[in-house]
Amino acid sequence: MEEKTRGVFHGEAYRIKLISNNQGYGPMPDPAQEIEQRLTLSSTGRVWLSGYGMNMDGTVSMLRRLQFTIDSKIASDLINQISDYFSKEHNMLFVTDVGNWELELFNQNQEKFKFWGPLVPTEETMLMEVSRQLREYVRCDLFGFDGGSLVE
């Protein structure tokens, strides 16, 4: 699989993998507190989500692991919104002492495109909106692209 870092996405997206890590500068989190989430969403509606916490010795442990499906039309729409956004050049913020997100977008030609940014609310309203939609349709507390959580 060919891998491209940054640049712009091209092709038809069929899967995303979003790793959101909210560990920034500060005290050691409680071992039961999620500090990292890994979300994979396919255009068929398959969802894989795992959450990780940090042990007192600095190692990481899985706290939860879920596999389920959502409506494939909703999944495709979310993936298309994300791929449309990353098919254009964007100046991403560089912020220190906060968490970050890493996105892998996969197209139909088996190419993988990687993007990253800070895990904070930004002026990039599309990323905040997609984060909100991910939380709504996946029905889980997700850090997403902005570090927020599910609001009922």
Protein backbone atom coordinates (compact mmCIF):
# COMPACT_ATOMS: atom_id res chain seq x y z
CA MET A 1 0.00 0.00 0.00
CA GLU A 2 1.39 3.37 -1.01
CA GLU A 3 1.50 5.95 1.77
CA LYS A 4 1.42 9.71 1.39
CA THR A 5 1.95 12.14 4.23
CA ARG A 6 0.25 15.51 4.00
CA GLY A 7 -0.43 16.87 0.53
CA VAL A 8 -4.02 16.44 -0.50
CA PHE A 9 -6.25 13.41 -0.70
CA HIS A 10 -7.39 12.16 -4.10
CA GLY A 11 -9.59 9.32 -5.24
CA GLU A 12 -12.68 7.82 -3.69
CA ALA A 13 -12.36 7.26 0.06
CA TYR A 14 -13.65 4.03 1.51
CA ARG A 15 -12.16 3.97 5.02
CA ILE A 16 -10.77 6.28 7.67
CA LYS A 17 -8.71 5.61 10.76
CA LEU A 18 -8.68 8.40 13.32
CA ILE A 19 -6.37 8.26 16.34
CA SER A 20 -7.15 10.96 18.87
CA ASN A 21 -4.85 11.38 21.86
CA ASN A 22 -5.83 13.90 24.52
CA GLN A 23 -2.71 13.52 26.65
CA GLY A 24 -1.01 16.88 26.89
CA TYR A 25 1.29 18.50 29.36
CA GLY A 26 0.15 18.09 32.95
CA PRO A 27 -0.29 15.57 35.72
CA MET A 28 -0.44 11.84 35.05
CA PRO A 29 -4.03 10.86 34.25
CA ASP A 30 -5.96 8.30 36.27
CA PRO A 31 -5.37 4.80 34.80
CA ALA A 32 -9.14 4.44 34.19
CA GLN A 33 -9.25 7.68 32.17
CA GLU A 34 -9.17 7.31 28.41
CA ILE A 35 -6.29 9.21 26.89
CA GLU A 36 -6.36 7.76 23.38
CA GLN A 37 -9.07 6.55 21.03
CA ARG A 38 -8.68 4.69 17.76
CA LEU A 39 -11.68 4.82 15.46
CA THR A 40 -11.91 3.04 12.13
CA LEU A 41 -14.96 3.66 9.95
CA SER A 42 -15.61 1.95 6.62
CA SER A 43 -18.03 3.02 3.90
CA THR A 44 -19.97 -0.20 4.54
CA GLY A 45 -20.84 1.11 8.01
CA ARG A 46 -18.46 -1.07 10.00
CA VAL A 47 -17.04 0.68 13.06
CA TRP A 48 -14.10 -0.36 15.21
CA LEU A 49 -13.40 1.72 18.32
CA SER A 50 -10.86 1.16 21.05
CA GLY A 51 -9.93 3.33 24.01
CA TYR A 52 -6.69 3.33 25.96
CA GLY A 53 -5.55 4.56 29.36
CA MET A 54 -2.10 5.19 30.79
CA ASN A 55 -0.82 3.08 33.68
CA MET A 56 1.23 4.59 36.49
CA ASP A 57 4.40 3.16 34.93
CA GLY A 58 3.70 4.97 31.64
CA THR A 59 2.54 1.92 29.71
CA VAL A 60 -0.79 1.97 27.90
CA SER A 61 -3.70 -0.46 28.45
CA MET A 62 -6.86 -1.01 26.45
CA LEU A 63 -9.93 0.13 28.39
CA ARG A 64 -12.61 -0.66 25.82
CA ARG A 65 -13.01 -2.27 22.43
CA LEU A 66 -16.17 -2.09 20.37
CA GLN A 67 -17.20 -3.37 16.95
CA PHE A 68 -20.58 -2.52 15.46
CA THR A 69 -22.24 -1.13 12.36
CA ILE A 70 -24.01 2.08 11.50
CA ASP A 71 -26.05 2.86 8.41
CA SER A 72 -23.76 2.63 5.35
CA LYS A 73 -25.20 5.82 3.82
CA ILE A 74 -24.32 7.76 6.98
CA ALA A 75 -20.86 6.18 7.11
CA SER A 76 -20.20 7.01 3.43
CA ASP A 77 -21.42 10.57 3.95
CA LEU A 78 -19.09 11.09 6.92
CA ILE A 79 -16.14 9.63 5.03
CA ASN A 80 -16.93 11.79 1.99
CA GLN A 81 -17.10 14.95 4.11
CA ILE A 82 -13.70 14.15 5.58
CA SER A 83 -12.13 13.22 2.24
CA ASP A 84 -13.58 16.33 0.56
CA TYR A 85 -12.03 18.48 3.28
CA PHE A 86 -8.61 16.88 2.95
CA SER A 87 -8.70 17.00 -0.85
CA LYS A 88 -7.77 20.69 -0.51
CA GLU A 89 -4.69 22.33 1.01
CA HIS A 90 -5.13 23.53 4.60
CA ASN A 91 -2.80 25.25 7.01
CA MET A 92 -3.09 23.19 10.17
CA LEU A 93 -2.34 24.72 13.53
CA PHE A 94 0.67 23.62 15.49
CA VAL A 95 -0.14 23.76 19.20
CA THR A 96 2.06 22.51 22.01
CA ASP A 97 1.09 20.96 25.35
CA VAL A 98 -2.22 19.59 24.01
CA GLY A 99 -3.31 16.30 22.53
CA ASN A 100 -3.34 15.59 18.83
CA TRP A 101 -5.20 13.66 16.16
CA GLU A 102 -3.83 11.58 13.31
CA LEU A 103 -5.99 10.65 10.35
CA GLU A 104 -5.40 7.98 7.74
CA LEU A 105 -7.63 8.13 4.65
CA PHE A 106 -7.70 5.15 2.31
CA ASN A 107 -8.81 5.35 -1.31
CA GLN A 108 -10.02 2.73 -3.79
CA ASN A 109 -6.48 2.41 -5.25
CA GLN A 110 -5.14 1.16 -1.88
CA GLU A 111 -3.34 4.47 -1.27
CA LYS A 112 -3.11 5.74 2.30
CA PHE A 113 -2.99 9.48 3.04
CA LYS A 114 -1.96 10.76 6.48
CA PHE A 115 -2.90 14.05 8.14
CA TRP A 116 -2.53 15.36 11.68
CA GLY A 117 -3.41 18.32 13.85
CA PRO A 118 -4.00 19.53 17.42
CA LEU A 119 -6.87 18.10 19.42
CA VAL A 120 -8.49 21.44 20.19
CA PRO A 121 -11.53 23.33 18.93
CA THR A 122 -10.39 25.47 16.01
CA GLU A 123 -11.74 27.79 13.36
CA GLU A 124 -11.88 24.74 11.09
CA THR A 125 -15.64 24.46 11.54
CA MET A 126 -15.90 21.49 9.22
CA LEU A 127 -13.67 19.36 11.46
CA MET A 128 -15.71 20.38 14.50
CA GLU A 129 -18.96 19.56 12.68
CA VAL A 130 -17.69 16.16 11.54
CA SER A 131 -16.58 15.46 15.12
CA ARG A 132 -20.11 16.28 16.30
CA GLN A 133 -21.63 14.01 13.65
CA LEU A 134 -19.27 11.16 14.50
CA ARG A 135 -20.34 11.39 18.14
CA GLU A 136 -24.01 11.49 17.16
CA TYR A 137 -23.96 8.52 14.78
CA VAL A 138 -21.43 6.35 16.60
CA ARG A 139 -23.21 7.19 19.89
CA CYS A 140 -20.01 7.22 21.92
CA ASP A 141 -17.90 9.81 23.64
CA LEU A 142 -15.25 10.53 21.02
CA PHE A 143 -12.39 13.00 21.09
CA GLY A 144 -12.74 13.35 17.32
CA PHE A 145 -10.78 16.22 15.79
CA ASP A 146 -11.64 18.74 18.52
CA GLY A 147 -11.33 16.90 21.85
CA GLY A 148 -15.02 17.31 22.71
CA SER A 149 -17.44 14.73 23.99
CA LEU A 150 -20.98 13.49 23.37
CA VAL A 151 -23.66 15.95 24.36
CA GLU A 152 -27.09 14.41 24.88
